[in-house]
Amino acid sequence: MSIDGYPDTRDGGDCGSLAYVEDNDADAMMIETAIQQSGCVDEPTRFASVQSFLAHLDAVDAGEAVRPGGLLLDINLPDGSGFEILVAVRRRFGLDELPVAVFSGGGSEEDILRAYDLGANLYLHKPMEFPEYRRRVAGVCGFFKRVRHVSERS
């Protein structure tokens, strides 16, 4: 456990590289702070739009970039939907190759079901208070770490 009784993912190593797609600067700052405090990864990679992440996937396909170990994905983006990203990720990678946690302000049953139907590993609603934000991000990091270890054993 870390300070304030929140899970600390530092025990047993990190969760691998982490990318996240988030257009809102305030949310991005909270995500980065929560990741830093959890000790999950040193430097997460932020993408602020659908197009920037899809371009990154193309670079991964071309061998010009490294696939992240996990993806934290917002659904409501200015240039489209995170669902587009989820579809593109699942065309290329299995559930254990690139785990995806949808972390969105929208929490309609339709969005949640659609995310799982398209291959999300997790769906989390963004909390408003930072302590809960930190707890959820640490939990996602721990989940990504476990998926990575299971995948490495296979």
N, C-alpha and C. Protein backbone atom coordinates (compact mmCIF):
# COMPACT_ATOMS: atom_id res chain seq x y z
N MET A 1 0.84 -1.19 0.00
CA MET A 1 0.00 0.00 0.00
C MET A 1 0.88 1.24 0.00
N SER A 2 0.39 2.25 -0.64
CA SER A 2 1.10 3.51 -0.69
C SER A 2 0.50 4.47 0.34
N ILE A 3 0.89 5.72 0.21
CA ILE A 3 0.35 6.73 1.11
C ILE A 3 -1.16 6.79 0.96
N ASP A 4 -1.82 7.19 1.99
CA ASP A 4 -3.27 7.35 2.01
C ASP A 4 -4.03 6.04 1.82
N GLY A 5 -3.34 4.90 1.92
CA GLY A 5 -4.04 3.62 1.82
C GLY A 5 -4.42 3.22 0.41
N TYR A 6 -3.91 3.88 -0.61
CA TYR A 6 -4.23 3.52 -1.99
C TYR A 6 -3.21 2.52 -2.50
N PRO A 7 -3.63 1.62 -3.40
CA PRO A 7 -2.72 0.60 -3.90
C PRO A 7 -1.50 1.22 -4.55
N ASP A 8 -0.37 0.59 -4.36
CA ASP A 8 0.89 1.03 -4.95
C ASP A 8 1.36 -0.09 -5.86
N THR A 9 1.50 0.17 -7.13
CA THR A 9 1.89 -0.87 -8.08
C THR A 9 3.40 -1.06 -8.12
N ARG A 10 4.13 -0.37 -7.28
CA ARG A 10 5.58 -0.52 -7.28
C ARG A 10 6.00 -1.91 -6.82
N ASP A 11 5.17 -2.55 -6.04
CA ASP A 11 5.50 -3.89 -5.56
C ASP A 11 5.60 -4.83 -6.76
N GLY A 12 6.77 -5.40 -6.98
CA GLY A 12 6.93 -6.39 -8.02
C GLY A 12 7.12 -5.81 -9.41
N GLY A 13 7.43 -4.56 -9.56
CA GLY A 13 7.74 -4.00 -10.87
C GLY A 13 6.60 -3.22 -11.46
N ASP A 14 6.87 -2.64 -12.61
CA ASP A 14 5.87 -1.77 -13.23
C ASP A 14 4.95 -2.54 -14.16
N CYS A 15 4.03 -1.84 -14.76
CA CYS A 15 3.06 -2.50 -15.63
C CYS A 15 3.47 -2.40 -17.09
N GLY A 16 4.69 -1.99 -17.37
CA GLY A 16 5.14 -1.84 -18.74
C GLY A 16 4.84 -0.46 -19.26
N SER A 17 5.06 -0.24 -20.52
CA SER A 17 4.80 1.08 -21.10
C SER A 17 3.30 1.32 -21.17
N LEU A 18 2.92 2.55 -21.01
CA LEU A 18 1.51 2.90 -20.99
C LEU A 18 1.28 4.08 -21.91
N ALA A 19 0.29 3.95 -22.78
CA ALA A 19 -0.17 5.06 -23.61
C ALA A 19 -1.57 5.42 -23.15
N TYR A 20 -1.91 6.68 -23.32
CA TYR A 20 -3.28 7.07 -23.02
C TYR A 20 -3.74 8.10 -24.02
N VAL A 21 -5.02 8.04 -24.34
CA VAL A 21 -5.64 8.96 -25.28
C VAL A 21 -6.61 9.81 -24.48
N GLU A 22 -6.27 11.09 -24.35
CA GLU A 22 -7.07 12.02 -23.56
C GLU A 22 -6.89 13.42 -24.12
N ASP A 23 -7.99 14.06 -24.52
CA ASP A 23 -7.91 15.40 -25.10
C ASP A 23 -7.96 16.51 -24.06
N ASN A 24 -8.51 16.24 -22.90
CA ASN A 24 -8.69 17.26 -21.88
C ASN A 24 -7.40 17.40 -21.06
N ASP A 25 -6.82 18.61 -21.06
CA ASP A 25 -5.56 18.83 -20.35
C ASP A 25 -5.66 18.60 -18.85
N ALA A 26 -6.77 18.98 -18.24
CA ALA A 26 -6.94 18.78 -16.79
C ALA A 26 -7.00 17.28 -16.47
N ASP A 27 -7.74 16.52 -17.27
CA ASP A 27 -7.79 15.07 -17.06
C ASP A 27 -6.42 14.44 -17.31
N ALA A 28 -5.72 14.92 -18.33
CA ALA A 28 -4.38 14.39 -18.62
C ALA A 28 -3.44 14.63 -17.44
N MET A 29 -3.54 15.80 -16.84
CA MET A 29 -2.68 16.10 -15.69
C MET A 29 -3.02 15.17 -14.51
N MET A 30 -4.30 14.91 -14.30
CA MET A 30 -4.67 14.00 -13.21
C MET A 30 -4.21 12.58 -13.50
N ILE A 31 -4.33 12.15 -14.74
CA ILE A 31 -3.87 10.81 -15.11
C ILE A 31 -2.37 10.69 -14.88
N GLU A 32 -1.61 11.67 -15.36
CA GLU A 32 -0.15 11.62 -15.21
C GLU A 32 0.27 11.66 -13.74
N THR A 33 -0.40 12.49 -12.96
CA THR A 33 -0.09 12.56 -11.53
C THR A 33 -0.42 11.24 -10.84
N ALA A 34 -1.56 10.67 -11.17
CA ALA A 34 -1.95 9.39 -10.58
C ALA A 34 -0.97 8.29 -10.98
N ILE A 35 -0.53 8.28 -12.23
CA ILE A 35 0.44 7.28 -12.69
C ILE A 35 1.76 7.46 -11.95
N GLN A 36 2.20 8.70 -11.84
CA GLN A 36 3.46 8.99 -11.15
C GLN A 36 3.38 8.55 -9.69
N GLN A 37 2.29 8.87 -9.01
CA GLN A 37 2.15 8.52 -7.60
C GLN A 37 2.02 7.02 -7.40
N SER A 38 1.47 6.31 -8.38
CA SER A 38 1.32 4.87 -8.24
C SER A 38 2.61 4.13 -8.56
N GLY A 39 3.53 4.80 -9.25
CA GLY A 39 4.79 4.16 -9.61
C GLY A 39 4.66 3.17 -10.73
N CYS A 40 3.60 3.26 -11.49
CA CYS A 40 3.31 2.28 -12.54
C CYS A 40 4.33 2.35 -13.68
N VAL A 41 4.51 3.51 -14.23
CA VAL A 41 5.46 3.71 -15.32
C VAL A 41 6.16 5.04 -15.10
N ASP A 42 7.33 5.16 -15.69
CA ASP A 42 8.07 6.41 -15.54
C ASP A 42 7.46 7.53 -16.38
N GLU A 43 7.24 7.24 -17.65
CA GLU A 43 6.71 8.27 -18.53
C GLU A 43 5.64 7.70 -19.45
N PRO A 44 4.39 7.93 -19.12
CA PRO A 44 3.32 7.49 -20.03
C PRO A 44 3.35 8.35 -21.29
N THR A 45 2.81 7.82 -22.36
CA THR A 45 2.77 8.55 -23.62
C THR A 45 1.34 9.00 -23.87
N ARG A 46 1.18 10.32 -24.03
CA ARG A 46 -0.15 10.88 -24.24
C ARG A 46 -0.40 11.12 -25.73
N PHE A 47 -1.61 10.79 -26.13
CA PHE A 47 -2.13 11.14 -27.45
C PHE A 47 -3.41 11.91 -27.20
N ALA A 48 -3.59 13.04 -27.88
CA ALA A 48 -4.73 13.91 -27.60
C ALA A 48 -5.86 13.78 -28.61
N SER A 49 -5.72 12.86 -29.57
CA SER A 49 -6.76 12.74 -30.59
C SER A 49 -6.78 11.33 -31.17
N VAL A 50 -7.88 11.03 -31.83
CA VAL A 50 -8.00 9.76 -32.54
C VAL A 50 -6.89 9.66 -33.59
N GLN A 51 -6.75 10.69 -34.39
CA GLN A 51 -5.79 10.65 -35.49
C GLN A 51 -4.35 10.47 -35.03
N SER A 52 -3.98 11.10 -33.92
CA SER A 52 -2.59 10.96 -33.45
C SER A 52 -2.32 9.53 -32.99
N PHE A 53 -3.30 8.89 -32.34
CA PHE A 53 -3.05 7.52 -31.92
C PHE A 53 -3.08 6.56 -33.10
N LEU A 54 -3.99 6.78 -34.06
CA LEU A 54 -4.02 5.91 -35.25
C LEU A 54 -2.72 6.04 -36.03
N ALA A 55 -2.16 7.24 -36.09
CA ALA A 55 -0.86 7.42 -36.75
C ALA A 55 0.23 6.64 -36.01
N HIS A 56 0.14 6.63 -34.68
CA HIS A 56 1.10 5.85 -33.90
C HIS A 56 0.96 4.36 -34.20
N LEU A 57 -0.27 3.86 -34.30
CA LEU A 57 -0.47 2.45 -34.65
C LEU A 57 0.13 2.13 -36.02
N ASP A 58 -0.03 3.04 -36.97
CA ASP A 58 0.59 2.84 -38.30
C ASP A 58 2.11 2.77 -38.17
N ALA A 59 2.68 3.62 -37.31
CA ALA A 59 4.13 3.60 -37.09
C ALA A 59 4.56 2.30 -36.42
N VAL A 60 3.74 1.76 -35.52
CA VAL A 60 4.03 0.47 -34.90
C VAL A 60 4.03 -0.61 -35.98
N ASP A 61 3.02 -0.59 -36.84
CA ASP A 61 2.93 -1.57 -37.94
C ASP A 61 4.16 -1.51 -38.85
N ALA A 62 4.68 -0.32 -39.07
CA ALA A 62 5.83 -0.12 -39.96
C ALA A 62 7.16 -0.38 -39.25
N GLY A 63 7.10 -0.70 -37.96
CA GLY A 63 8.33 -0.94 -37.21
C GLY A 63 9.05 0.33 -36.80
N GLU A 64 8.37 1.45 -36.87
CA GLU A 64 8.98 2.74 -36.55
C GLU A 64 8.67 3.21 -35.13
N ALA A 65 7.81 2.50 -34.43
CA ALA A 65 7.44 2.85 -33.06
C ALA A 65 7.18 1.56 -32.29
N VAL A 66 7.20 1.68 -30.99
CA VAL A 66 7.01 0.52 -30.11
C VAL A 66 5.56 0.48 -29.63
N ARG A 67 5.00 -0.71 -29.65
CA ARG A 67 3.65 -0.92 -29.14
C ARG A 67 3.65 -0.70 -27.65
N PRO A 68 2.66 0.06 -27.15
CA PRO A 68 2.58 0.22 -25.69
C PRO A 68 2.16 -1.08 -25.03
N GLY A 69 2.44 -1.18 -23.75
CA GLY A 69 2.05 -2.37 -23.00
C GLY A 69 0.60 -2.33 -22.55
N GLY A 70 0.02 -1.15 -22.54
CA GLY A 70 -1.37 -0.97 -22.16
C GLY A 70 -1.87 0.37 -22.66
N LEU A 71 -3.19 0.47 -22.82
CA LEU A 71 -3.79 1.70 -23.34
C LEU A 71 -4.95 2.12 -22.46
N LEU A 72 -4.90 3.35 -22.00
CA LEU A 72 -5.98 3.98 -21.26
C LEU A 72 -6.68 4.90 -22.26
N LEU A 73 -7.97 4.69 -22.49
CA LEU A 73 -8.65 5.29 -23.62
C LEU A 73 -9.90 6.06 -23.23
N ASP A 74 -9.92 7.34 -23.59
CA ASP A 74 -11.13 8.15 -23.46
C ASP A 74 -11.99 7.88 -24.69
N ILE A 75 -13.29 7.96 -24.55
CA ILE A 75 -14.20 7.72 -25.67
C ILE A 75 -14.55 9.00 -26.41
N ASN A 76 -14.82 10.06 -25.67
CA ASN A 76 -15.28 11.31 -26.28
C ASN A 76 -14.08 12.18 -26.63
N LEU A 77 -13.76 12.21 -27.92
CA LEU A 77 -12.59 12.95 -28.40
C LEU A 77 -13.03 13.95 -29.47
N PRO A 78 -12.27 15.02 -29.64
CA PRO A 78 -12.71 16.10 -30.54
C PRO A 78 -12.76 15.70 -32.01
N ASP A 79 -11.95 14.74 -32.41
CA ASP A 79 -11.90 14.38 -33.83
C ASP A 79 -12.51 13.01 -34.11
N GLY A 80 -13.33 12.52 -33.20
CA GLY A 80 -13.97 11.23 -33.41
C GLY A 80 -14.22 10.55 -32.09
N SER A 81 -14.32 9.25 -32.15
CA SER A 81 -14.65 8.46 -30.97
C SER A 81 -13.51 7.51 -30.64
N GLY A 82 -13.29 7.32 -29.34
CA GLY A 82 -12.33 6.33 -28.91
C GLY A 82 -12.70 4.93 -29.38
N PHE A 83 -13.97 4.71 -29.72
CA PHE A 83 -14.38 3.42 -30.26
C PHE A 83 -13.64 3.12 -31.56
N GLU A 84 -13.34 4.15 -32.35
CA GLU A 84 -12.56 3.95 -33.58
C GLU A 84 -11.18 3.39 -33.24
N ILE A 85 -10.59 3.92 -32.19
CA ILE A 85 -9.27 3.45 -31.75
C ILE A 85 -9.38 2.00 -31.28
N LEU A 86 -10.40 1.70 -30.51
CA LEU A 86 -10.58 0.34 -30.00
C LEU A 86 -10.71 -0.66 -31.14
N VAL A 87 -11.46 -0.33 -32.16
CA VAL A 87 -11.60 -1.20 -33.33
C VAL A 87 -10.24 -1.41 -34.00
N ALA A 88 -9.49 -0.33 -34.19
CA ALA A 88 -8.17 -0.42 -34.84
C ALA A 88 -7.20 -1.25 -34.00
N VAL A 89 -7.23 -1.09 -32.70
CA VAL A 89 -6.35 -1.85 -31.81
C VAL A 89 -6.69 -3.34 -31.90
N ARG A 90 -7.96 -3.68 -31.84
CA ARG A 90 -8.34 -5.09 -31.86
C ARG A 90 -8.13 -5.75 -33.21
N ARG A 91 -8.07 -4.98 -34.27
CA ARG A 91 -7.71 -5.56 -35.59
C ARG A 91 -6.26 -6.03 -35.59
N ARG A 92 -5.45 -5.38 -34.77
CA ARG A 92 -4.01 -5.65 -34.76
C ARG A 92 -3.56 -6.53 -33.60
N PHE A 93 -4.18 -6.38 -32.44
CA PHE A 93 -3.66 -7.01 -31.22
C PHE A 93 -4.77 -7.70 -30.44
N GLY A 94 -4.41 -8.82 -29.84
CA GLY A 94 -5.34 -9.55 -28.98
C GLY A 94 -5.48 -8.88 -27.62
N LEU A 95 -6.41 -9.40 -26.83
CA LEU A 95 -6.71 -8.84 -25.51
C LEU A 95 -5.50 -8.82 -24.59
N ASP A 96 -4.63 -9.84 -24.69
CA ASP A 96 -3.46 -9.89 -23.82
C ASP A 96 -2.23 -9.24 -24.45
N GLU A 97 -2.28 -8.95 -25.74
CA GLU A 97 -1.15 -8.29 -26.39
C GLU A 97 -1.15 -6.79 -26.12
N LEU A 98 -2.33 -6.20 -26.12
CA LEU A 98 -2.47 -4.77 -25.82
C LEU A 98 -3.77 -4.58 -25.05
N PRO A 99 -3.70 -4.71 -23.73
CA PRO A 99 -4.91 -4.50 -22.94
C PRO A 99 -5.36 -3.05 -23.01
N VAL A 100 -6.68 -2.86 -23.08
CA VAL A 100 -7.27 -1.53 -23.20
C VAL A 100 -8.26 -1.32 -22.06
N ALA A 101 -8.05 -0.23 -21.34
CA ALA A 101 -9.00 0.19 -20.30
C ALA A 101 -9.65 1.47 -20.78
N VAL A 102 -10.94 1.43 -21.00
CA VAL A 102 -11.68 2.64 -21.34
C VAL A 102 -11.87 3.41 -20.04
N PHE A 103 -11.49 4.67 -20.06
CA PHE A 103 -11.54 5.54 -18.88
C PHE A 103 -12.23 6.80 -19.34
N SER A 104 -13.54 6.83 -19.21
CA SER A 104 -14.31 7.88 -19.85
C SER A 104 -15.29 8.55 -18.89
N GLY A 105 -15.59 9.80 -19.18
CA GLY A 105 -16.57 10.54 -18.40
C GLY A 105 -17.98 10.07 -18.67
N GLY A 106 -18.20 9.48 -19.82
CA GLY A 106 -19.52 8.94 -20.16
C GLY A 106 -19.64 7.54 -19.61
N GLY A 107 -20.77 7.24 -19.05
CA GLY A 107 -20.94 5.91 -18.48
C GLY A 107 -22.27 5.29 -18.81
N SER A 108 -22.80 5.62 -20.00
CA SER A 108 -24.09 5.04 -20.37
C SER A 108 -23.94 3.54 -20.57
N GLU A 109 -25.01 2.82 -20.31
CA GLU A 109 -24.98 1.37 -20.49
C GLU A 109 -24.63 1.03 -21.94
N GLU A 110 -25.13 1.82 -22.87
CA GLU A 110 -24.84 1.58 -24.29
C GLU A 110 -23.34 1.71 -24.56
N ASP A 111 -22.68 2.74 -24.02
CA ASP A 111 -21.24 2.91 -24.22
C ASP A 111 -20.45 1.77 -23.59
N ILE A 112 -20.85 1.37 -22.40
CA ILE A 112 -20.15 0.29 -21.70
C ILE A 112 -20.26 -1.01 -22.49
N LEU A 113 -21.47 -1.36 -22.91
CA LEU A 113 -21.66 -2.60 -23.68
C LEU A 113 -20.91 -2.54 -25.00
N ARG A 114 -20.95 -1.40 -25.66
CA ARG A 114 -20.24 -1.26 -26.94
C ARG A 114 -18.74 -1.43 -26.74
N ALA A 115 -18.21 -0.82 -25.69
CA ALA A 115 -16.77 -0.95 -25.43
C ALA A 115 -16.37 -2.41 -25.25
N TYR A 116 -17.13 -3.15 -24.46
CA TYR A 116 -16.81 -4.56 -24.26
C TYR A 116 -17.01 -5.37 -25.53
N ASP A 117 -18.06 -5.05 -26.30
CA ASP A 117 -18.29 -5.76 -27.57
C ASP A 117 -17.13 -5.54 -28.54
N LEU A 118 -16.51 -4.37 -28.48
CA LEU A 118 -15.41 -4.05 -29.39
C LEU A 118 -14.05 -4.53 -28.87
N GLY A 119 -14.02 -5.08 -27.65
CA GLY A 119 -12.77 -5.67 -27.16
C GLY A 119 -12.08 -4.94 -26.04
N ALA A 120 -12.75 -4.06 -25.32
CA ALA A 120 -12.13 -3.44 -24.16
C ALA A 120 -11.94 -4.49 -23.07
N ASN A 121 -10.83 -4.40 -22.35
CA ASN A 121 -10.61 -5.28 -21.22
C ASN A 121 -11.32 -4.78 -19.97
N LEU A 122 -11.41 -3.45 -19.83
CA LEU A 122 -12.03 -2.80 -18.68
C LEU A 122 -12.77 -1.56 -19.13
N TYR A 123 -13.78 -1.17 -18.36
CA TYR A 123 -14.45 0.11 -18.58
C TYR A 123 -14.60 0.77 -17.22
N LEU A 124 -14.02 1.95 -17.07
CA LEU A 124 -14.09 2.70 -15.82
C LEU A 124 -14.63 4.09 -16.08
N HIS A 125 -15.50 4.53 -15.20
CA HIS A 125 -16.02 5.89 -15.28
C HIS A 125 -15.05 6.80 -14.54
N LYS A 126 -14.73 7.95 -15.16
CA LYS A 126 -13.81 8.90 -14.52
C LYS A 126 -14.47 9.49 -13.28
N PRO A 127 -13.79 9.40 -12.16
CA PRO A 127 -14.32 10.03 -10.95
C PRO A 127 -13.99 11.53 -10.95
N MET A 128 -14.65 12.25 -10.09
CA MET A 128 -14.43 13.69 -10.02
C MET A 128 -13.37 14.06 -8.97
N GLU A 129 -13.25 13.29 -7.93
CA GLU A 129 -12.30 13.59 -6.86
C GLU A 129 -10.98 12.87 -7.13
N PHE A 130 -9.86 13.58 -6.89
CA PHE A 130 -8.56 13.02 -7.22
C PHE A 130 -8.22 11.73 -6.47
N PRO A 131 -8.50 11.59 -5.18
CA PRO A 131 -8.13 10.32 -4.52
C PRO A 131 -8.74 9.09 -5.22
N GLU A 132 -9.97 9.21 -5.67
CA GLU A 132 -10.60 8.10 -6.39
C GLU A 132 -9.98 7.94 -7.77
N TYR A 133 -9.64 9.03 -8.41
CA TYR A 133 -8.95 9.01 -9.70
C TYR A 133 -7.66 8.20 -9.56
N ARG A 134 -6.88 8.54 -8.53
CA ARG A 134 -5.60 7.88 -8.29
C ARG A 134 -5.81 6.39 -8.03
N ARG A 135 -6.81 6.05 -7.24
CA ARG A 135 -7.08 4.65 -6.93
C ARG A 135 -7.42 3.87 -8.20
N ARG A 136 -8.24 4.45 -9.04
CA ARG A 136 -8.65 3.74 -10.27
C ARG A 136 -7.49 3.60 -11.25
N VAL A 137 -6.68 4.64 -11.40
CA VAL A 137 -5.53 4.54 -12.31
C VAL A 137 -4.54 3.51 -11.78
N ALA A 138 -4.30 3.49 -10.48
CA ALA A 138 -3.41 2.48 -9.89
C ALA A 138 -3.96 1.08 -10.13
N GLY A 139 -5.27 0.92 -10.03
CA GLY A 139 -5.88 -0.37 -10.30
C GLY A 139 -5.70 -0.81 -11.74
N VAL A 140 -5.84 0.13 -12.67
CA VAL A 140 -5.62 -0.18 -14.09
C VAL A 140 -4.17 -0.58 -14.31
N CYS A 141 -3.25 0.14 -13.71
CA CYS A 141 -1.83 -0.21 -13.85
C CYS A 141 -1.57 -1.62 -13.32
N GLY A 142 -2.15 -1.94 -12.17
CA GLY A 142 -2.01 -3.29 -11.63
C GLY A 142 -2.59 -4.34 -12.55
N PHE A 143 -3.72 -4.05 -13.15
CA PHE A 143 -4.34 -4.97 -14.11
C PHE A 143 -3.43 -5.19 -15.31
N PHE A 144 -2.90 -4.09 -15.88
CA PHE A 144 -1.99 -4.21 -17.03
C PHE A 144 -0.76 -5.04 -16.66
N LYS A 145 -0.25 -4.85 -15.46
CA LYS A 145 0.91 -5.62 -15.00
C LYS A 145 0.59 -7.10 -14.96
N ARG A 146 -0.58 -7.47 -14.42
CA ARG A 146 -0.96 -8.87 -14.35
C ARG A 146 -1.15 -9.47 -15.75
N VAL A 147 -1.78 -8.72 -16.65
CA VAL A 147 -1.97 -9.21 -18.02
C VAL A 147 -0.62 -9.44 -18.68
N ARG A 148 0.32 -8.52 -18.48
CA ARG A 148 1.64 -8.66 -19.08
C ARG A 148 2.34 -9.90 -18.56
N HIS A 149 2.27 -10.15 -17.26
CA HIS A 149 2.94 -11.32 -16.69
C HIS A 149 2.32 -12.62 -17.19
N VAL A 150 1.01 -12.68 -17.32
CA VAL A 150 0.33 -13.87 -17.84
C VAL A 150 0.73 -14.09 -19.30
N SER A 151 0.77 -12.99 -20.07
CA SER A 151 1.14 -13.08 -21.48
C SER A 151 2.58 -13.55 -21.65
N GLU A 152 3.49 -13.10 -20.77
CA GLU A 152 4.89 -13.49 -20.87
C GLU A 152 5.09 -14.98 -20.56
N ARG A 153 4.23 -15.53 -19.71
CA ARG A 153 4.32 -16.95 -19.36
C ARG A 153 3.82 -17.85 -20.48
N SER A 154 2.97 -17.31 -21.35
CA SER A 154 2.36 -18.12 -22.41
C SER A 154 3.32 -18.40 -23.53
